[in-house]
């Protein structure tokens, strides 16, 4: 059965690392609430330079800021505290929205993770929330596998997706940089892009990608175009041989004589003549005409 939702959930994800012994206590003078949330000066919070999400939609951030002005930050940021500063592990979009909204402080939950744990949690958290574009997702999954030893099955389990979905996402990384850029910019959907992974000719791949950009082709249309690329003979129509004026005139004369449709395929040297009949009366009339010609 295909898994849905947020997999094990963020609380379960963070608890995996919380089970490990802490090397130090939180160094902060801020008051800690019963659920471990504290308010910290927003100027002391730093984005994670290894954040897998590289692009943030301006309109989406504006909507986030409007929501924060009205309701505040409902879910605190998860941060790593070091030397009195707080690096974001999860919640950079909320942090950016808070800056736009003009907040002076933000609610955070402080963790003490190693650099390796921070990167791993950040990757999985973004994948669970589907905050990444398809290319960023593929790169994050690849990094989890190459750097942290995850298998496709373990990634699927952590983020609540099926293994085939993970495999399909990874296939995007075989595309050329130009095509990947179109996906990152939202001009080409992941569904369209996956149609192109079998084409190794970079020029042909980009040409088809540009033809499909901005939904000018459906995924099905693009699938057909890719099929035609590999089977060019299927789209080359067999051209009818050029017929002489005399042969065309013969066809017209036969139509008048037999009072039915007459088709000539071929040329003056070789071909076929088709005489259509649509009922027994047509057939009898043609038979009588042939009989008269034979006398």
Protein backbone atom coordinates (compact mmCIF):
# COMPACT_ATOMS: atom_id res chain seq x y z
CA UNK A 1 0.00 0.00 0.00
CA UNK A 2 1.26 3.47 -0.87
CA UNK A 3 2.04 5.56 2.17
CA UNK A 4 0.53 9.01 2.43
CA UNK A 5 0.80 12.01 4.72
CA UNK A 6 3.88 13.07 6.63
CA UNK A 7 5.33 9.64 7.31
CA UNK A 8 6.41 9.27 10.92
CA UNK A 9 5.70 12.94 11.62
CA UNK A 10 8.12 15.68 12.64
CA UNK A 11 7.79 14.98 16.35
CA UNK A 12 8.85 11.38 15.76
CA UNK A 13 11.62 12.55 13.46
CA UNK A 14 13.10 14.91 16.06
CA UNK A 15 12.68 12.35 18.85
CA UNK A 16 15.08 10.00 17.04
CA UNK A 17 17.89 12.44 17.77
CA UNK A 18 16.55 13.61 21.13
CA UNK A 19 17.07 10.09 22.44
CA UNK A 20 20.82 10.61 22.15
CA UNK A 21 22.65 12.13 25.15
CA UNK A 22 22.94 15.94 25.10
CA UNK A 23 26.47 17.27 25.17
CA UNK A 24 25.40 20.56 26.77
CA UNK A 25 22.49 22.47 28.22
CA UNK A 26 20.69 25.34 26.53
CA UNK A 27 22.56 28.57 27.10
CA UNK A 28 19.78 31.14 27.24
CA UNK A 29 18.27 33.62 29.67
CA UNK A 30 14.89 33.43 27.94
CA UNK A 31 11.97 31.99 29.87
CA UNK A 32 11.14 28.43 28.82
CA UNK A 33 7.45 27.53 28.56
CA UNK A 34 5.99 24.25 29.73
CA UNK A 35 6.25 22.76 26.22
CA UNK A 36 9.86 23.88 25.79
CA UNK A 37 9.11 26.91 23.60
CA UNK A 38 11.03 30.16 24.19
CA UNK A 39 10.84 33.59 22.59
CA UNK A 40 14.17 34.83 21.21
CA UNK A 41 15.29 38.04 19.55
CA UNK A 42 14.82 37.56 15.80
CA UNK A 43 18.22 39.21 15.25
CA UNK A 44 19.86 36.26 17.00
CA UNK A 45 18.35 33.74 14.57
CA UNK A 46 20.36 32.63 11.52
CA UNK A 47 19.21 30.71 8.45
CA UNK A 48 20.81 27.34 7.81
CA UNK A 49 23.39 27.80 5.03
CA UNK A 50 22.88 24.13 4.11
CA UNK A 51 19.11 24.55 3.73
CA UNK A 52 18.11 22.27 0.83
CA UNK A 53 15.38 24.67 -0.26
CA UNK A 54 17.02 27.35 -2.39
CA UNK A 55 13.99 29.22 -3.75
CA UNK A 56 11.19 30.90 -1.78
CA UNK A 57 8.14 32.21 -3.61
CA UNK A 58 7.71 35.94 -2.91
CA UNK A 59 3.90 35.82 -3.06
CA UNK A 60 3.81 32.82 -0.73
CA UNK A 61 6.06 34.65 1.78
CA UNK A 62 3.78 37.69 1.64
CA UNK A 63 0.79 35.48 2.44
CA UNK A 64 2.76 33.93 5.30
CA UNK A 65 3.62 37.39 6.65
CA UNK A 66 -0.05 38.48 6.49
CA UNK A 67 -1.05 35.35 8.40
CA UNK A 68 1.66 35.95 11.03
CA UNK A 69 0.49 39.56 11.54
CA UNK A 70 -3.03 38.30 12.18
CA UNK A 71 -2.43 35.07 14.09
CA UNK A 72 1.24 35.10 15.09
CA UNK A 73 3.57 32.12 14.57
CA UNK A 74 1.49 29.11 15.54
CA UNK A 75 4.25 26.50 15.15
CA UNK A 76 7.64 27.43 16.66
CA UNK A 77 10.90 27.23 14.75
CA UNK A 78 13.25 24.36 15.58
CA UNK A 79 16.76 25.71 16.12
CA UNK A 80 20.23 24.64 17.17
CA UNK A 81 21.75 26.90 19.86
CA UNK A 82 25.44 27.70 19.78
CA UNK A 83 27.29 30.58 21.44
CA UNK A 84 24.12 32.53 22.07
CA UNK A 85 22.86 32.34 18.46
CA UNK A 86 20.19 30.09 16.98
CA UNK A 87 20.53 28.37 13.62
CA UNK A 88 17.30 27.23 11.99
CA UNK A 89 16.83 23.49 11.58
CA UNK A 90 13.16 23.68 10.58
CA UNK A 91 10.97 26.69 9.85
CA UNK A 92 12.97 29.05 7.63
CA UNK A 93 9.84 30.02 5.68
CA UNK A 94 8.14 31.07 8.94
CA UNK A 95 11.31 32.96 9.89
CA UNK A 96 11.32 34.87 6.59
CA UNK A 97 7.62 35.62 6.98
CA UNK A 98 8.25 36.93 10.51
CA UNK A 99 10.90 39.34 9.20
CA UNK A 100 8.48 40.67 6.57
CA UNK A 101 5.77 40.97 9.22
CA UNK A 102 8.11 43.06 11.38
CA UNK A 103 8.28 40.73 14.41
CA UNK A 104 10.96 41.47 17.00
CA UNK A 105 10.98 37.97 18.54
CA UNK A 106 10.09 34.48 17.34
CA UNK A 107 9.09 31.32 19.24
CA UNK A 108 11.67 28.53 19.04
CA UNK A 109 12.33 25.05 20.36
CA UNK A 110 16.05 24.60 21.04
CA UNK A 111 17.85 21.38 20.12
CA UNK A 112 21.50 20.36 20.34
CA UNK A 113 22.28 18.36 17.23
CA UNK A 114 25.52 17.62 15.46
CA UNK A 115 26.12 19.19 12.05
CA UNK A 116 25.37 15.84 10.41
CA UNK A 117 22.08 15.51 12.30
CA UNK A 118 21.06 19.08 11.45
CA UNK A 119 21.55 18.50 7.73
CA UNK A 120 19.73 15.18 7.81
CA UNK A 121 16.76 16.55 9.76
CA UNK A 122 16.57 19.62 7.52
CA UNK A 123 16.49 17.47 4.39
CA UNK A 124 13.80 15.15 5.71
CA UNK A 125 11.70 17.96 7.19
CA UNK A 126 11.58 19.77 3.86
CA UNK A 127 10.75 16.57 1.98
CA UNK A 128 7.96 15.72 4.43
CA UNK A 129 6.39 19.13 4.06
CA UNK A 130 6.82 19.05 0.26
CA UNK A 131 8.39 22.52 0.48
CA UNK A 132 10.92 21.71 -2.24
CA UNK A 133 10.47 21.93 -5.99
CA UNK A 134 10.89 18.58 -7.83
CA UNK A 135 14.58 19.15 -8.60
CA UNK A 136 15.40 20.21 -5.02
CA UNK A 137 13.53 17.10 -3.80
CA UNK A 138 15.54 14.86 -6.10
CA UNK A 139 18.83 16.42 -4.95
CA UNK A 140 17.81 16.12 -1.28
CA UNK A 141 16.91 12.45 -1.69
CA UNK A 142 20.17 11.78 -3.53
CA UNK A 143 22.12 13.47 -0.73
CA UNK A 144 20.35 11.40 1.93
CA UNK A 145 21.37 8.29 0.02
CA UNK A 146 24.94 9.25 -0.89
CA UNK A 147 25.98 11.05 2.29
CA UNK A 148 23.84 9.48 5.01
CA UNK A 149 23.50 5.94 3.66
CA UNK A 150 19.72 5.94 3.22
CA UNK A 151 18.15 3.46 0.81
CA UNK A 152 15.18 4.34 -1.39
CA UNK A 153 13.01 2.29 1.00
CA UNK A 154 14.23 4.16 4.11
CA UNK A 155 13.71 7.56 2.45
CA UNK A 156 10.21 6.48 1.44
CA UNK A 157 9.48 5.40 5.03
CA UNK A 158 10.77 8.66 6.55
CA UNK A 159 8.81 11.01 4.28
CA UNK A 160 5.68 8.91 3.79
CA UNK A 161 5.90 8.18 0.08
CA UNK A 162 6.10 4.98 -1.95
CA UNK A 163 9.44 3.63 -3.16
CA UNK A 164 8.40 3.98 -6.85
CA UNK A 165 7.64 7.67 -6.17
CA UNK A 166 11.16 8.11 -4.78
CA UNK A 167 12.66 6.33 -7.79
CA UNK A 168 10.67 8.51 -10.21
CA UNK A 169 11.84 11.66 -8.45
CA UNK A 170 15.48 10.56 -8.63
CA UNK A 171 15.14 9.96 -12.38
CA UNK A 172 14.89 13.71 -12.89
CA UNK A 173 18.58 14.08 -12.06
CA UNK A 174 19.52 12.38 -15.33
CA UNK A 175 18.13 15.33 -17.29
CA UNK A 176 20.37 18.03 -18.76
CA UNK A 177 21.01 21.16 -16.64
CA UNK A 178 18.97 23.29 -19.06
CA UNK A 179 15.91 21.07 -18.68
CA UNK A 180 16.35 20.87 -14.89
CA UNK A 181 16.40 24.67 -14.84
CA UNK A 182 13.02 24.75 -16.59
CA UNK A 183 11.61 22.43 -13.89
CA UNK A 184 13.08 24.55 -11.08
CA UNK A 185 11.52 27.69 -12.58
CA UNK A 186 8.12 26.00 -12.75
CA UNK A 187 7.97 26.18 -16.56
CA UNK A 188 8.04 22.40 -16.94
CA UNK A 189 6.20 20.02 -14.62
CA UNK A 190 7.84 16.97 -13.08
CA UNK A 191 5.42 14.80 -15.06
CA UNK A 192 6.55 16.37 -18.32
CA UNK A 193 10.21 16.13 -17.30
CA UNK A 194 9.99 12.42 -16.51
CA UNK A 195 8.84 11.80 -20.09
CA UNK A 196 12.21 13.09 -21.30
CA UNK A 197 14.61 11.04 -19.19
CA UNK A 198 14.89 8.30 -21.82
CA UNK A 199 16.20 10.78 -24.41
CA UNK A 200 19.99 10.97 -24.15
CA UNK A 201 20.40 13.38 -27.06
CA UNK A 202 20.74 16.67 -25.19
CA UNK A 203 19.62 18.87 -28.09
CA UNK A 204 16.52 16.77 -28.73
CA UNK A 205 15.72 16.64 -25.01
CA UNK A 206 15.87 20.43 -24.68
CA UNK A 207 13.91 20.97 -27.91
CA UNK A 208 11.02 18.81 -26.69
CA UNK A 209 11.18 20.39 -23.22
CA UNK A 210 10.86 23.88 -24.69
CA UNK A 211 7.98 22.71 -26.88
CA UNK A 212 6.14 21.45 -23.79
CA UNK A 213 6.90 24.46 -21.54
CA UNK A 214 4.06 26.40 -19.88
CA UNK A 215 1.64 23.52 -20.57
CA UNK A 216 1.74 23.99 -24.34
CA UNK A 217 1.66 20.17 -24.48
CA UNK A 218 -0.08 17.72 -22.16
CA UNK A 219 1.97 14.94 -20.58
CA UNK A 220 0.28 12.49 -22.93
CA UNK A 221 1.16 14.66 -25.93
CA UNK A 222 4.78 14.77 -24.81
CA UNK A 223 4.84 10.99 -24.30
CA UNK A 224 3.71 10.62 -27.92
CA UNK A 225 6.36 13.09 -29.10
CA UNK A 226 9.04 11.07 -27.29
CA UNK A 227 7.71 7.85 -28.85
CA UNK A 228 7.81 9.49 -32.28
CA UNK A 229 11.40 10.59 -31.60
CA UNK A 230 12.45 6.97 -31.14
CA UNK A 231 10.26 5.74 -34.01
CA UNK A 232 10.50 8.45 -36.69
CA UNK A 233 9.06 6.14 -39.37
CA UNK A 234 5.74 6.14 -37.52
CA UNK A 235 5.24 9.84 -38.27
CA UNK A 236 6.41 9.82 -41.87
CA UNK A 237 3.36 9.43 -44.05
CA UNK A 238 3.76 7.40 -47.17
CA UNK A 239 3.44 9.82 -50.04
CA UNK A 240 1.12 8.83 -52.88
CA UNK A 241 2.92 8.51 -56.22
CA UNK A 242 2.44 11.44 -58.58
CA UNK A 243 -0.33 10.72 -61.11
CA UNK A 244 -0.44 12.00 -64.67
CA UNK A 245 -3.28 14.14 -65.99
CA UNK A 246 -4.34 11.24 -68.22
CA UNK A 247 -4.65 8.88 -65.23
CA UNK A 248 -6.70 11.42 -63.31
CA UNK A 249 -8.93 11.93 -66.36
CA UNK A 250 -9.43 8.16 -66.61
CA UNK A 251 -10.62 8.04 -63.01
CA UNK A 252 -13.12 10.85 -63.64
CA UNK A 253 -14.44 9.16 -66.82
CA UNK A 254 -14.92 5.85 -65.02
CA UNK A 255 -16.87 7.64 -62.27
CA UNK A 256 -19.27 9.03 -64.88
CA UNK A 257 -19.64 5.71 -66.68
CA UNK A 258 -20.20 3.57 -63.60
CA UNK A 259 -22.01 6.31 -61.60
CA UNK A 260 -20.08 5.44 -58.47
CA UNK A 261 -16.84 6.17 -56.69
CA UNK A 262 -13.70 5.10 -58.56
CA UNK A 263 -10.24 5.29 -56.98
CA UNK A 264 -6.94 4.78 -58.79
CA UNK A 265 -3.85 4.10 -56.63
CA UNK A 266 -0.49 4.13 -58.34
CA UNK A 267 0.89 5.73 -61.49
CA UNK A 268 1.00 5.11 -65.24
CA UNK A 269 3.28 2.11 -64.76
CA UNK A 270 1.66 0.26 -61.85
CA UNK A 271 -1.32 0.54 -59.52
CA UNK A 272 -4.85 -0.53 -58.61
CA UNK A 273 -8.33 0.60 -59.59
CA UNK A 274 -11.12 0.38 -57.02
CA UNK A 275 -14.80 0.56 -58.12
CA UNK A 276 -17.18 0.95 -55.18
CA UNK A 277 -20.75 -0.35 -55.01
CA UNK A 278 -23.12 0.27 -52.13
CA UNK A 279 -26.05 -2.07 -52.84
CA UNK A 280 -27.22 -4.80 -55.20
CA UNK A 281 -28.58 -2.24 -57.69
CA UNK A 282 -25.13 -0.66 -57.99
CA UNK A 283 -23.59 -4.08 -58.56
CA UNK A 284 -26.20 -5.02 -61.21
CA UNK A 285 -25.64 -1.74 -63.06
CA UNK A 286 -21.85 -2.25 -63.13
CA UNK A 287 -22.38 -5.84 -64.26
CA UNK A 288 -24.59 -4.73 -67.19
CA UNK A 289 -22.05 -2.12 -68.28
CA UNK A 290 -19.23 -4.64 -68.25
CA UNK A 291 -21.44 -7.11 -70.13
CA UNK A 292 -22.12 -4.56 -72.87
CA UNK A 293 -18.42 -3.79 -73.23
CA UNK A 294 -17.65 -7.49 -73.69
CA UNK A 295 -20.07 -7.94 -76.63
